[in-house]
Amino acid sequence: MVAQAAGFALLAAISPTALLVMVVFLGSANPRTTALLYVAGAVVMTIIMAITVLFVLRAVGLNQPREHEPRYALRFGLGIVALGVAVFMSRRKPREPAASGEKEKKPGLIARLTANPRPWTAFLAGLLLFAPSASFIAAVQVIATSNESVTVIIAALVVVIILTVLTVWLPLLTYLAAPDATTRTLRSANEWTRSNGRRLAIIALGVAGVVLIVNGALGAWR
């Protein structure tokens, strides 16, 4: 159970945007505090949503043996959602810079939050960027629908939360240990992430979608 939940959590952790935002915050005037508040926002959102999803799924009884088919139907549905988002992203053209003479397009909320990095905007960015994805809900669902002890469920939730926010806490830890080396590495990876991050996110969503659909379909037929 823990291994399966951890696998979905790792897919949920693939967020090029979250990593790019961390690069911005680590390059701000107050990098330690700003990046720490960013991680705090991500952790707070992830914990709240993990507990919420867990209690909701338990409240409707999806952990009961009689709810075998609805349990896997939910997983199948999450896979459809993830795959649908991946297809939508692949067909949608990236935003292009405004041509000369054209009205400049209004930047998105995350762009506005990172334009002038501050601790409170970093915390808000962490909350927004770590709203639950289909992969994250699937990870919590694996835990919520198991019949393990409370201790095992809590431990599994902790593992899922840690892995889901891996993209932000790991760069912060490495920065605290070796600021200069981490900054150079992140800046070197910045261009690659900007060029390939969208493709990576689409692949992660597609893989998560296919895995969830297959898992849900096979489980429902058992």
N, C-alpha and C. Protein backbone atom coordinates (compact mmCIF):
# COMPACT_ATOMS: atom_id res chain seq x y z
N MET A 1 0.82 -1.21 0.00
CA MET A 1 0.00 0.00 0.00
C MET A 1 0.86 1.26 0.00
N VAL A 2 1.85 1.29 0.89
CA VAL A 2 2.72 2.47 0.99
C VAL A 2 3.48 2.70 -0.31
N ALA A 3 3.98 1.61 -0.90
CA ALA A 3 4.75 1.73 -2.14
C ALA A 3 3.89 2.29 -3.27
N GLN A 4 2.65 1.82 -3.36
CA GLN A 4 1.75 2.30 -4.42
C GLN A 4 1.40 3.77 -4.20
N ALA A 5 1.10 4.14 -2.97
CA ALA A 5 0.80 5.54 -2.66
C ALA A 5 2.01 6.43 -2.93
N ALA A 6 3.19 5.94 -2.59
CA ALA A 6 4.42 6.72 -2.81
C ALA A 6 4.66 6.93 -4.30
N GLY A 7 4.33 5.94 -5.12
CA GLY A 7 4.50 6.07 -6.56
C GLY A 7 3.63 7.18 -7.13
N PHE A 8 2.38 7.24 -6.70
CA PHE A 8 1.49 8.31 -7.15
C PHE A 8 1.96 9.67 -6.63
N ALA A 9 2.48 9.69 -5.39
CA ALA A 9 2.98 10.94 -4.81
C ALA A 9 4.17 11.47 -5.59
N LEU A 10 5.03 10.59 -6.06
CA LEU A 10 6.18 11.02 -6.86
C LEU A 10 5.72 11.62 -8.19
N LEU A 11 4.68 11.05 -8.78
CA LEU A 11 4.14 11.63 -10.01
C LEU A 11 3.54 13.02 -9.72
N ALA A 12 2.90 13.14 -8.56
CA ALA A 12 2.33 14.44 -8.17
C ALA A 12 3.42 15.48 -7.92
N ALA A 13 4.60 15.01 -7.54
CA ALA A 13 5.70 15.92 -7.21
C ALA A 13 6.34 16.55 -8.44
N ILE A 14 6.10 15.97 -9.60
CA ILE A 14 6.70 16.51 -10.83
C ILE A 14 6.00 17.81 -11.20
N SER A 15 6.59 18.91 -10.83
CA SER A 15 6.01 20.23 -11.09
C SER A 15 7.11 21.21 -11.49
N PRO A 16 7.38 21.31 -12.78
CA PRO A 16 8.41 22.26 -13.24
C PRO A 16 8.13 23.69 -12.79
N THR A 17 6.85 24.07 -12.76
CA THR A 17 6.50 25.43 -12.33
C THR A 17 6.93 25.67 -10.89
N ALA A 18 6.67 24.69 -10.02
CA ALA A 18 7.05 24.83 -8.61
C ALA A 18 8.56 24.99 -8.46
N LEU A 19 9.32 24.27 -9.30
CA LEU A 19 10.78 24.38 -9.23
C LEU A 19 11.25 25.73 -9.75
N LEU A 20 10.65 26.22 -10.83
CA LEU A 20 11.02 27.52 -11.37
C LEU A 20 10.74 28.64 -10.37
N VAL A 21 9.62 28.52 -9.67
CA VAL A 21 9.28 29.51 -8.65
C VAL A 21 10.29 29.48 -7.51
N MET A 22 10.74 28.29 -7.14
CA MET A 22 11.76 28.17 -6.09
C MET A 22 13.05 28.87 -6.52
N VAL A 23 13.42 28.74 -7.79
CA VAL A 23 14.62 29.42 -8.30
C VAL A 23 14.48 30.93 -8.11
N VAL A 24 13.30 31.45 -8.41
CA VAL A 24 13.05 32.89 -8.26
C VAL A 24 13.18 33.30 -6.80
N PHE A 25 12.59 32.54 -5.90
CA PHE A 25 12.61 32.90 -4.48
C PHE A 25 14.01 32.78 -3.87
N LEU A 26 14.78 31.81 -4.34
CA LEU A 26 16.15 31.67 -3.83
C LEU A 26 17.06 32.78 -4.36
N GLY A 27 16.63 33.44 -5.41
CA GLY A 27 17.40 34.56 -5.95
C GLY A 27 16.89 35.91 -5.47
N SER A 28 15.96 35.91 -4.52
CA SER A 28 15.38 37.16 -4.02
C SER A 28 16.29 37.82 -3.00
N ALA A 29 15.87 38.99 -2.52
CA ALA A 29 16.68 39.74 -1.55
C ALA A 29 16.78 39.03 -0.20
N ASN A 30 15.77 38.25 0.13
CA ASN A 30 15.74 37.52 1.41
C ASN A 30 15.46 36.05 1.12
N PRO A 31 16.43 35.35 0.50
CA PRO A 31 16.16 34.01 -0.02
C PRO A 31 15.74 32.97 1.01
N ARG A 32 16.39 32.95 2.17
CA ARG A 32 16.08 31.91 3.16
C ARG A 32 14.64 32.01 3.66
N THR A 33 14.25 33.19 4.09
CA THR A 33 12.90 33.38 4.62
C THR A 33 11.85 33.19 3.54
N THR A 34 12.11 33.77 2.36
CA THR A 34 11.13 33.68 1.27
C THR A 34 10.94 32.23 0.82
N ALA A 35 12.04 31.51 0.63
CA ALA A 35 11.93 30.11 0.20
C ALA A 35 11.31 29.25 1.30
N LEU A 36 11.64 29.54 2.56
CA LEU A 36 11.07 28.77 3.67
C LEU A 36 9.56 28.96 3.74
N LEU A 37 9.08 30.19 3.54
CA LEU A 37 7.63 30.45 3.55
C LEU A 37 6.95 29.79 2.36
N TYR A 38 7.67 29.71 1.24
CA TYR A 38 7.14 29.02 0.06
C TYR A 38 6.94 27.53 0.37
N VAL A 39 7.94 26.92 0.98
CA VAL A 39 7.84 25.52 1.37
C VAL A 39 6.73 25.34 2.40
N ALA A 40 6.63 26.28 3.33
CA ALA A 40 5.59 26.20 4.36
C ALA A 40 4.20 26.21 3.74
N GLY A 41 3.99 27.08 2.75
CA GLY A 41 2.70 27.13 2.08
C GLY A 41 2.39 25.82 1.37
N ALA A 42 3.40 25.25 0.71
CA ALA A 42 3.21 23.98 0.02
C ALA A 42 2.87 22.87 1.00
N VAL A 43 3.58 22.83 2.13
CA VAL A 43 3.35 21.79 3.13
C VAL A 43 1.97 21.93 3.77
N VAL A 44 1.59 23.17 4.10
CA VAL A 44 0.29 23.41 4.73
C VAL A 44 -0.84 22.94 3.80
N MET A 45 -0.78 23.35 2.53
CA MET A 45 -1.81 22.95 1.58
C MET A 45 -1.86 21.42 1.43
N THR A 46 -0.70 20.79 1.33
CA THR A 46 -0.63 19.35 1.14
C THR A 46 -1.19 18.60 2.35
N ILE A 47 -0.85 19.06 3.54
CA ILE A 47 -1.36 18.41 4.76
C ILE A 47 -2.87 18.56 4.85
N ILE A 48 -3.37 19.78 4.64
CA ILE A 48 -4.81 20.02 4.74
C ILE A 48 -5.58 19.15 3.75
N MET A 49 -5.09 19.10 2.50
CA MET A 49 -5.81 18.33 1.48
C MET A 49 -5.68 16.83 1.71
N ALA A 50 -4.54 16.38 2.23
CA ALA A 50 -4.37 14.96 2.52
C ALA A 50 -5.37 14.52 3.59
N ILE A 51 -5.47 15.31 4.65
CA ILE A 51 -6.40 14.97 5.74
C ILE A 51 -7.85 15.06 5.26
N THR A 52 -8.14 16.09 4.45
CA THR A 52 -9.50 16.27 3.95
C THR A 52 -9.93 15.11 3.07
N VAL A 53 -9.09 14.75 2.11
CA VAL A 53 -9.41 13.64 1.20
C VAL A 53 -9.53 12.34 1.99
N LEU A 54 -8.64 12.12 2.94
CA LEU A 54 -8.68 10.90 3.75
C LEU A 54 -10.01 10.78 4.48
N PHE A 55 -10.43 11.85 5.16
CA PHE A 55 -11.66 11.79 5.95
C PHE A 55 -12.90 11.70 5.07
N VAL A 56 -12.87 12.38 3.91
CA VAL A 56 -14.02 12.30 3.01
C VAL A 56 -14.20 10.88 2.49
N LEU A 57 -13.11 10.26 2.05
CA LEU A 57 -13.19 8.90 1.51
C LEU A 57 -13.58 7.89 2.59
N ARG A 58 -13.09 8.12 3.81
CA ARG A 58 -13.47 7.25 4.92
C ARG A 58 -14.93 7.46 5.30
N ALA A 59 -15.37 8.71 5.23
CA ALA A 59 -16.75 9.03 5.63
C ALA A 59 -17.77 8.37 4.71
N VAL A 60 -17.44 8.26 3.41
CA VAL A 60 -18.38 7.62 2.48
C VAL A 60 -18.19 6.11 2.43
N GLY A 61 -17.26 5.61 3.23
CA GLY A 61 -17.10 4.16 3.38
C GLY A 61 -16.37 3.45 2.26
N LEU A 62 -15.53 4.17 1.51
CA LEU A 62 -14.82 3.50 0.41
C LEU A 62 -13.77 2.50 0.88
N ASN A 63 -13.47 2.51 2.18
CA ASN A 63 -12.53 1.53 2.70
C ASN A 63 -13.21 0.21 3.03
N GLN A 64 -14.53 0.16 2.92
CA GLN A 64 -15.27 -1.06 3.23
C GLN A 64 -15.21 -2.05 2.08
N PRO A 65 -15.15 -3.35 2.37
CA PRO A 65 -15.07 -4.36 1.30
C PRO A 65 -16.22 -4.27 0.30
N ARG A 66 -17.41 -3.89 0.77
CA ARG A 66 -18.57 -3.82 -0.13
C ARG A 66 -18.44 -2.69 -1.16
N GLU A 67 -17.53 -1.75 -0.89
CA GLU A 67 -17.34 -0.62 -1.80
C GLU A 67 -16.18 -0.86 -2.77
N HIS A 68 -15.92 -2.11 -3.07
CA HIS A 68 -14.79 -2.45 -3.94
C HIS A 68 -14.88 -1.78 -5.31
N GLU A 69 -16.04 -1.89 -5.96
CA GLU A 69 -16.19 -1.33 -7.31
C GLU A 69 -16.17 0.20 -7.31
N PRO A 70 -16.90 0.88 -6.41
CA PRO A 70 -16.80 2.35 -6.38
C PRO A 70 -15.39 2.85 -6.11
N ARG A 71 -14.64 2.10 -5.30
CA ARG A 71 -13.27 2.49 -4.98
C ARG A 71 -12.42 2.55 -6.24
N TYR A 72 -12.53 1.51 -7.06
CA TYR A 72 -11.74 1.47 -8.28
C TYR A 72 -12.34 2.35 -9.38
N ALA A 73 -13.65 2.59 -9.31
CA ALA A 73 -14.27 3.49 -10.27
C ALA A 73 -13.75 4.92 -10.05
N LEU A 74 -13.55 5.30 -8.79
CA LEU A 74 -12.99 6.62 -8.49
C LEU A 74 -11.58 6.73 -9.04
N ARG A 75 -10.79 5.68 -8.87
CA ARG A 75 -9.43 5.69 -9.40
C ARG A 75 -9.45 5.78 -10.92
N PHE A 76 -10.38 5.07 -11.55
CA PHE A 76 -10.52 5.13 -13.00
C PHE A 76 -10.89 6.55 -13.43
N GLY A 77 -11.80 7.18 -12.69
CA GLY A 77 -12.21 8.55 -13.00
C GLY A 77 -11.07 9.54 -12.86
N LEU A 78 -10.25 9.37 -11.83
CA LEU A 78 -9.09 10.24 -11.65
C LEU A 78 -8.12 10.09 -12.82
N GLY A 79 -8.01 8.88 -13.33
CA GLY A 79 -7.15 8.65 -14.48
C GLY A 79 -7.66 9.36 -15.72
N ILE A 80 -8.98 9.33 -15.92
CA ILE A 80 -9.59 10.04 -17.05
C ILE A 80 -9.31 11.54 -16.95
N VAL A 81 -9.44 12.07 -15.73
CA VAL A 81 -9.20 13.50 -15.52
C VAL A 81 -7.74 13.85 -15.84
N ALA A 82 -6.81 13.05 -15.28
CA ALA A 82 -5.39 13.32 -15.51
C ALA A 82 -5.04 13.24 -16.99
N LEU A 83 -5.55 12.23 -17.66
CA LEU A 83 -5.26 12.07 -19.08
C LEU A 83 -5.89 13.20 -19.89
N GLY A 84 -7.09 13.62 -19.50
CA GLY A 84 -7.76 14.72 -20.18
C GLY A 84 -6.98 16.02 -20.06
N VAL A 85 -6.45 16.29 -18.86
CA VAL A 85 -5.66 17.50 -18.65
C VAL A 85 -4.38 17.44 -19.48
N ALA A 86 -3.76 16.25 -19.55
CA ALA A 86 -2.54 16.08 -20.35
C ALA A 86 -2.81 16.37 -21.82
N VAL A 87 -3.94 15.86 -22.33
CA VAL A 87 -4.30 16.10 -23.74
C VAL A 87 -4.57 17.59 -23.96
N PHE A 88 -5.29 18.21 -23.02
CA PHE A 88 -5.60 19.64 -23.13
C PHE A 88 -4.32 20.46 -23.16
N MET A 89 -3.37 20.15 -22.27
CA MET A 89 -2.11 20.88 -22.23
C MET A 89 -1.31 20.70 -23.50
N SER A 90 -1.34 19.47 -24.05
CA SER A 90 -0.56 19.20 -25.26
C SER A 90 -1.11 19.93 -26.48
N ARG A 91 -2.43 20.18 -26.48
CA ARG A 91 -3.05 20.86 -27.62
C ARG A 91 -3.04 22.38 -27.47
N ARG A 92 -2.93 22.83 -26.24
CA ARG A 92 -2.94 24.27 -26.00
C ARG A 92 -1.57 24.86 -26.29
N LYS A 93 -1.54 25.92 -27.07
CA LYS A 93 -0.28 26.56 -27.42
C LYS A 93 0.24 27.37 -26.24
N PRO A 94 1.55 27.32 -25.98
CA PRO A 94 2.12 28.14 -24.91
C PRO A 94 1.89 29.62 -25.17
N ARG A 95 1.79 30.38 -24.10
CA ARG A 95 1.59 31.83 -24.25
C ARG A 95 2.82 32.46 -24.90
N GLU A 96 2.59 33.20 -25.96
CA GLU A 96 3.69 33.86 -26.68
C GLU A 96 3.77 35.33 -26.26
N PRO A 97 4.98 35.90 -26.29
CA PRO A 97 5.12 37.32 -25.95
C PRO A 97 4.33 38.18 -26.92
N ALA A 98 3.81 39.27 -26.40
CA ALA A 98 3.02 40.18 -27.24
C ALA A 98 3.91 40.79 -28.32
N ALA A 99 3.39 40.84 -29.54
CA ALA A 99 4.15 41.43 -30.66
C ALA A 99 4.20 42.95 -30.50
N SER A 100 5.12 43.54 -31.23
CA SER A 100 5.28 45.00 -31.16
C SER A 100 3.98 45.69 -31.54
N GLY A 101 3.54 46.60 -30.68
CA GLY A 101 2.31 47.34 -30.95
C GLY A 101 1.08 46.70 -30.36
N GLU A 102 1.15 45.41 -29.98
CA GLU A 102 0.01 44.74 -29.37
C GLU A 102 -0.05 45.03 -27.88
N LYS A 103 -1.24 44.95 -27.34
CA LYS A 103 -1.43 45.18 -25.92
C LYS A 103 -0.83 44.02 -25.13
N GLU A 104 -0.04 44.34 -24.13
CA GLU A 104 0.61 43.30 -23.33
C GLU A 104 -0.44 42.51 -22.55
N LYS A 105 -0.34 41.18 -22.62
CA LYS A 105 -1.29 40.34 -21.91
C LYS A 105 -1.03 40.42 -20.40
N LYS A 106 -2.11 40.38 -19.64
CA LYS A 106 -2.00 40.45 -18.19
C LYS A 106 -1.34 39.19 -17.66
N PRO A 107 -0.28 39.32 -16.86
CA PRO A 107 0.41 38.13 -16.35
C PRO A 107 -0.48 37.32 -15.42
N GLY A 108 -0.20 36.03 -15.32
CA GLY A 108 -0.97 35.16 -14.44
C GLY A 108 -0.70 35.47 -12.97
N LEU A 109 -1.49 34.83 -12.11
CA LEU A 109 -1.37 35.09 -10.67
C LEU A 109 -0.01 34.71 -10.13
N ILE A 110 0.52 33.55 -10.54
CA ILE A 110 1.83 33.12 -10.05
C ILE A 110 2.91 34.08 -10.52
N ALA A 111 2.81 34.55 -11.76
CA ALA A 111 3.79 35.52 -12.27
C ALA A 111 3.75 36.80 -11.45
N ARG A 112 2.55 37.22 -11.05
CA ARG A 112 2.44 38.44 -10.24
C ARG A 112 2.99 38.23 -8.83
N LEU A 113 2.81 37.03 -8.29
CA LEU A 113 3.31 36.73 -6.95
C LEU A 113 4.84 36.65 -6.92
N THR A 114 5.44 36.28 -8.04
CA THR A 114 6.90 36.14 -8.09
C THR A 114 7.59 37.37 -8.66
N ALA A 115 6.82 38.33 -9.13
CA ALA A 115 7.42 39.54 -9.72
C ALA A 115 8.20 40.33 -8.69
N ASN A 116 7.68 40.38 -7.49
CA ASN A 116 8.35 41.10 -6.39
C ASN A 116 8.33 40.19 -5.16
N PRO A 117 9.25 39.21 -5.12
CA PRO A 117 9.20 38.17 -4.08
C PRO A 117 9.24 38.71 -2.65
N ARG A 118 8.26 38.29 -1.88
CA ARG A 118 8.19 38.61 -0.46
C ARG A 118 7.75 37.36 0.28
N PRO A 119 8.02 37.27 1.58
CA PRO A 119 7.62 36.07 2.32
C PRO A 119 6.13 35.73 2.20
N TRP A 120 5.26 36.72 2.31
CA TRP A 120 3.83 36.41 2.28
C TRP A 120 3.36 35.99 0.90
N THR A 121 3.96 36.57 -0.16
CA THR A 121 3.60 36.15 -1.51
C THR A 121 4.14 34.74 -1.79
N ALA A 122 5.29 34.42 -1.19
CA ALA A 122 5.87 33.08 -1.34
C ALA A 122 4.96 32.05 -0.68
N PHE A 123 4.45 32.36 0.49
CA PHE A 123 3.55 31.44 1.20
C PHE A 123 2.29 31.22 0.37
N LEU A 124 1.74 32.28 -0.20
CA LEU A 124 0.54 32.16 -1.03
C LEU A 124 0.82 31.35 -2.28
N ALA A 125 2.00 31.55 -2.88
CA ALA A 125 2.37 30.78 -4.07
C ALA A 125 2.45 29.29 -3.75
N GLY A 126 2.99 28.96 -2.57
CA GLY A 126 3.05 27.56 -2.15
C GLY A 126 1.67 26.96 -2.00
N LEU A 127 0.74 27.72 -1.43
CA LEU A 127 -0.63 27.23 -1.28
C LEU A 127 -1.27 26.96 -2.63
N LEU A 128 -1.10 27.90 -3.56
CA LEU A 128 -1.76 27.79 -4.87
C LEU A 128 -1.16 26.68 -5.73
N LEU A 129 0.17 26.60 -5.76
CA LEU A 129 0.82 25.63 -6.64
C LEU A 129 0.65 24.20 -6.17
N PHE A 130 0.35 24.02 -4.89
CA PHE A 130 0.20 22.66 -4.38
C PHE A 130 -1.24 22.29 -4.05
N ALA A 131 -2.16 22.92 -4.79
CA ALA A 131 -3.54 22.45 -4.76
C ALA A 131 -3.53 21.00 -5.27
N PRO A 132 -4.43 20.16 -4.78
CA PRO A 132 -4.34 18.71 -5.09
C PRO A 132 -4.52 18.38 -6.56
N SER A 133 -3.66 17.52 -7.05
CA SER A 133 -3.76 17.01 -8.42
C SER A 133 -4.41 15.63 -8.38
N ALA A 134 -4.72 15.09 -9.55
CA ALA A 134 -5.31 13.75 -9.63
C ALA A 134 -4.36 12.70 -9.05
N SER A 135 -3.06 12.86 -9.31
CA SER A 135 -2.07 11.90 -8.79
C SER A 135 -2.02 11.93 -7.27
N PHE A 136 -2.09 13.14 -6.71
CA PHE A 136 -2.07 13.27 -5.25
C PHE A 136 -3.31 12.66 -4.62
N ILE A 137 -4.49 12.93 -5.19
CA ILE A 137 -5.72 12.35 -4.67
C ILE A 137 -5.67 10.84 -4.75
N ALA A 138 -5.10 10.33 -5.85
CA ALA A 138 -4.97 8.87 -6.00
C ALA A 138 -4.07 8.29 -4.92
N ALA A 139 -2.99 9.00 -4.59
CA ALA A 139 -2.07 8.54 -3.54
C ALA A 139 -2.79 8.44 -2.19
N VAL A 140 -3.56 9.48 -1.86
CA VAL A 140 -4.30 9.47 -0.60
C VAL A 140 -5.41 8.44 -0.63
N GLN A 141 -6.00 8.24 -1.81
CA GLN A 141 -7.08 7.26 -1.92
C GLN A 141 -6.59 5.84 -1.64
N VAL A 142 -5.38 5.55 -2.09
CA VAL A 142 -4.80 4.23 -1.82
C VAL A 142 -4.72 4.00 -0.32
N ILE A 143 -4.33 5.06 0.42
CA ILE A 143 -4.21 4.95 1.87
C ILE A 143 -5.58 4.89 2.53
N ALA A 144 -6.47 5.78 2.10
CA ALA A 144 -7.79 5.88 2.73
C ALA A 144 -8.63 4.63 2.56
N THR A 145 -8.44 3.92 1.46
CA THR A 145 -9.27 2.74 1.19
C THR A 145 -8.62 1.44 1.67
N SER A 146 -7.49 1.57 2.35
CA SER A 146 -6.85 0.38 2.92
C SER A 146 -7.43 0.08 4.29
N ASN A 147 -7.19 -1.10 4.78
CA ASN A 147 -7.67 -1.49 6.10
C ASN A 147 -6.51 -1.65 7.07
N GLU A 148 -5.50 -0.81 6.90
CA GLU A 148 -4.34 -0.86 7.77
C GLU A 148 -4.63 -0.18 9.10
N SER A 149 -3.72 -0.35 10.04
CA SER A 149 -3.87 0.28 11.35
C SER A 149 -3.69 1.79 11.24
N VAL A 150 -4.11 2.49 12.28
CA VAL A 150 -3.98 3.95 12.30
C VAL A 150 -2.52 4.36 12.18
N THR A 151 -1.64 3.64 12.83
CA THR A 151 -0.21 3.95 12.79
C THR A 151 0.34 3.87 11.37
N VAL A 152 -0.03 2.80 10.66
CA VAL A 152 0.44 2.62 9.29
C VAL A 152 -0.15 3.70 8.38
N ILE A 153 -1.41 4.04 8.57
CA ILE A 153 -2.05 5.07 7.74
C ILE A 153 -1.38 6.42 7.94
N ILE A 154 -1.10 6.77 9.20
CA ILE A 154 -0.43 8.04 9.48
C ILE A 154 0.96 8.06 8.86
N ALA A 155 1.70 6.97 9.00
CA ALA A 155 3.04 6.88 8.42
C ALA A 155 2.99 7.00 6.90
N ALA A 156 2.00 6.36 6.29
CA ALA A 156 1.87 6.43 4.83
C ALA A 156 1.52 7.84 4.38
N LEU A 157 0.66 8.51 5.14
CA LEU A 157 0.32 9.90 4.81
C LEU A 157 1.54 10.81 4.89
N VAL A 158 2.36 10.60 5.90
CA VAL A 158 3.58 11.39 6.05
C VAL A 158 4.50 11.18 4.85
N VAL A 159 4.63 9.93 4.41
CA VAL A 159 5.46 9.62 3.25
C VAL A 159 4.92 10.34 2.00
N VAL A 160 3.61 10.29 1.80
CA VAL A 160 2.99 10.93 0.63
C VAL A 160 3.20 12.44 0.67
N ILE A 161 3.02 13.04 1.84
CA ILE A 161 3.20 14.49 1.97
C ILE A 161 4.65 14.89 1.68
N ILE A 162 5.59 14.15 2.25
CA ILE A 162 7.01 14.46 2.04
C ILE A 162 7.38 14.35 0.56
N LEU A 163 6.91 13.30 -0.09
CA LEU A 163 7.25 13.10 -1.50
C LEU A 163 6.56 14.12 -2.41
N THR A 164 5.34 14.49 -2.08
CA THR A 164 4.60 15.43 -2.91
C THR A 164 5.27 16.80 -2.97
N VAL A 165 5.85 17.23 -1.84
CA VAL A 165 6.50 18.55 -1.80
C VAL A 165 8.01 18.44 -2.00
N LEU A 166 8.45 17.31 -2.52
CA LEU A 166 9.88 17.08 -2.74
C LEU A 166 10.52 18.16 -3.60
N THR A 167 9.78 18.66 -4.59
CA THR A 167 10.31 19.63 -5.54
C THR A 167 10.72 20.94 -4.87
N VAL A 168 10.13 21.23 -3.70
CA VAL A 168 10.45 22.50 -3.05
C VAL A 168 11.33 22.36 -1.80
N TRP A 169 11.11 21.29 -1.02
CA TRP A 169 11.94 21.20 0.19
C TRP A 169 13.36 20.73 -0.09
N LEU A 170 13.54 19.92 -1.13
CA LEU A 170 14.90 19.44 -1.43
C LEU A 170 15.82 20.57 -1.89
N PRO A 171 15.38 21.44 -2.83
CA PRO A 171 16.24 22.57 -3.20
C PRO A 171 16.54 23.49 -2.02
N LEU A 172 15.58 23.67 -1.11
CA LEU A 172 15.81 24.53 0.05
C LEU A 172 16.87 23.93 0.97
N LEU A 173 16.79 22.63 1.22
CA LEU A 173 17.78 21.97 2.08
C LEU A 173 19.17 22.05 1.47
N THR A 174 19.26 21.81 0.17
CA THR A 174 20.58 21.88 -0.47
C THR A 174 21.11 23.30 -0.46
N TYR A 175 20.20 24.28 -0.58
CA TYR A 175 20.61 25.68 -0.54
C TYR A 175 21.16 26.04 0.85
N LEU A 176 20.50 25.57 1.90
CA LEU A 176 20.96 25.85 3.25
C LEU A 176 22.31 25.21 3.53
N ALA A 177 22.55 24.05 2.90
CA ALA A 177 23.82 23.35 3.10
C ALA A 177 24.93 23.93 2.23
N ALA A 178 24.60 24.29 0.99
CA ALA A 178 25.62 24.82 0.05
C ALA A 178 24.96 25.86 -0.84
N PRO A 179 24.83 27.08 -0.37
CA PRO A 179 24.10 28.12 -1.11
C PRO A 179 24.63 28.40 -2.51
N ASP A 180 25.93 28.59 -2.62
CA ASP A 180 26.51 28.97 -3.92
C ASP A 180 26.37 27.85 -4.94
N ALA A 181 26.70 26.63 -4.52
CA ALA A 181 26.62 25.49 -5.45
C ALA A 181 25.17 25.24 -5.88
N THR A 182 24.25 25.35 -4.93
CA THR A 182 22.84 25.12 -5.25
C THR A 182 22.33 26.19 -6.21
N THR A 183 22.68 27.44 -5.96
CA THR A 183 22.25 28.53 -6.83
C THR A 183 22.76 28.34 -8.25
N ARG A 184 24.04 27.96 -8.36
CA ARG A 184 24.61 27.73 -9.71
C ARG A 184 23.90 26.58 -10.41
N THR A 185 23.64 25.51 -9.67
CA THR A 185 22.99 24.33 -10.26
C THR A 185 21.58 24.66 -10.72
N LEU A 186 20.84 25.36 -9.87
CA LEU A 186 19.46 25.70 -10.21
C LEU A 186 19.40 26.66 -11.39
N ARG A 187 20.33 27.59 -11.44
CA ARG A 187 20.34 28.52 -12.57
C ARG A 187 20.69 27.80 -13.86
N SER A 188 21.59 26.82 -13.77
CA SER A 188 21.96 26.05 -14.97
C SER A 188 20.77 25.22 -15.45
N ALA A 189 19.99 24.70 -14.49
CA ALA A 189 18.84 23.88 -14.85
C ALA A 189 17.62 24.71 -15.23
N ASN A 190 17.70 26.01 -14.96
CA ASN A 190 16.56 26.88 -15.17
C ASN A 190 16.13 26.92 -16.63
N GLU A 191 17.08 27.10 -17.55
CA GLU A 191 16.75 27.19 -18.96
C GLU A 191 16.18 25.87 -19.48
N TRP A 192 16.78 24.76 -19.04
CA TRP A 192 16.27 23.46 -19.48
C TRP A 192 14.84 23.27 -19.00
N THR A 193 14.57 23.66 -17.75
CA THR A 193 13.24 23.51 -17.19
C THR A 193 12.23 24.38 -17.93
N ARG A 194 12.65 25.61 -18.27
CA ARG A 194 11.75 26.49 -19.01
C ARG A 194 11.43 25.92 -20.40
N SER A 195 12.41 25.29 -21.01
CA SER A 195 12.22 24.75 -22.36
C SER A 195 11.47 23.43 -22.37
N ASN A 196 11.71 22.61 -21.34
CA ASN A 196 11.16 21.25 -21.34
C ASN A 196 10.16 20.97 -20.22
N GLY A 197 9.96 21.95 -19.33
CA GLY A 197 9.08 21.72 -18.18
C GLY A 197 7.66 21.37 -18.58
N ARG A 198 7.13 22.07 -19.57
CA ARG A 198 5.75 21.82 -20.00
C ARG A 198 5.61 20.40 -20.53
N ARG A 199 6.58 19.98 -21.33
CA ARG A 199 6.55 18.63 -21.88
C ARG A 199 6.65 17.59 -20.76
N LEU A 200 7.51 17.87 -19.77
CA LEU A 200 7.67 16.96 -18.64
C LEU A 200 6.38 16.83 -17.84
N ALA A 201 5.70 17.97 -17.63
CA ALA A 201 4.44 17.95 -16.88
C ALA A 201 3.37 17.14 -17.63
N ILE A 202 3.33 17.31 -18.95
CA ILE A 202 2.36 16.57 -19.77
C ILE A 202 2.63 15.07 -19.69
N ILE A 203 3.90 14.70 -19.77
CA ILE A 203 4.26 13.28 -19.70
C ILE A 203 3.87 12.71 -18.34
N ALA A 204 4.16 13.46 -17.26
CA ALA A 204 3.82 12.98 -15.91
C ALA A 204 2.31 12.78 -15.77
N LEU A 205 1.53 13.74 -16.27
CA LEU A 205 0.07 13.62 -16.21
C LEU A 205 -0.42 12.45 -17.05
N GLY A 206 0.17 12.28 -18.22
CA GLY A 206 -0.22 11.18 -19.09
C GLY A 206 0.08 9.83 -18.46
N VAL A 207 1.26 9.70 -17.88
CA VAL A 207 1.64 8.44 -17.22
C VAL A 207 0.70 8.16 -16.04
N ALA A 208 0.45 9.19 -15.23
CA ALA A 208 -0.45 9.03 -14.09
C ALA A 208 -1.84 8.62 -14.56
N GLY A 209 -2.31 9.27 -15.63
CA GLY A 209 -3.63 8.95 -16.15
C GLY A 209 -3.74 7.51 -16.63
N VAL A 210 -2.76 7.06 -17.39
CA VAL A 210 -2.78 5.69 -17.91
C VAL A 210 -2.71 4.68 -16.76
N VAL A 211 -1.81 4.92 -15.81
CA VAL A 211 -1.67 4.00 -14.66
C VAL A 211 -2.98 3.92 -13.88
N LEU A 212 -3.60 5.06 -13.63
CA LEU A 212 -4.85 5.08 -12.86
C LEU A 212 -5.98 4.40 -13.62
N ILE A 213 -6.06 4.64 -14.92
CA ILE A 213 -7.11 4.01 -15.72
C ILE A 213 -6.95 2.49 -15.73
N VAL A 214 -5.73 2.03 -15.98
CA VAL A 214 -5.47 0.58 -16.00
C VAL A 214 -5.72 -0.02 -14.62
N ASN A 215 -5.20 0.64 -13.57
CA ASN A 215 -5.37 0.14 -12.21
C ASN A 215 -6.86 0.10 -11.84
N GLY A 216 -7.59 1.15 -12.18
CA GLY A 216 -9.01 1.19 -11.84
C GLY A 216 -9.80 0.15 -12.60
N ALA A 217 -9.48 -0.03 -13.89
CA ALA A 217 -10.21 -0.99 -14.71
C ALA A 217 -9.94 -2.42 -14.25
N LEU A 218 -8.69 -2.76 -14.01
CA LEU A 218 -8.35 -4.11 -13.58
C LEU A 218 -8.92 -4.41 -12.20
N GLY A 219 -8.85 -3.42 -11.30
CA GLY A 219 -9.36 -3.61 -9.95
C GLY A 219 -10.86 -3.82 -9.93
N ALA A 220 -11.57 -3.07 -10.77
CA ALA A 220 -13.04 -3.18 -10.80
C ALA A 220 -13.49 -4.53 -11.34
N TRP A 221 -12.67 -5.16 -12.18
CA TRP A 221 -13.04 -6.44 -12.79
C TRP A 221 -12.70 -7.63 -11.90
N ARG A 222 -11.98 -7.40 -10.83
CA ARG A 222 -11.59 -8.53 -9.98
C ARG A 222 -12.79 -9.06 -9.23
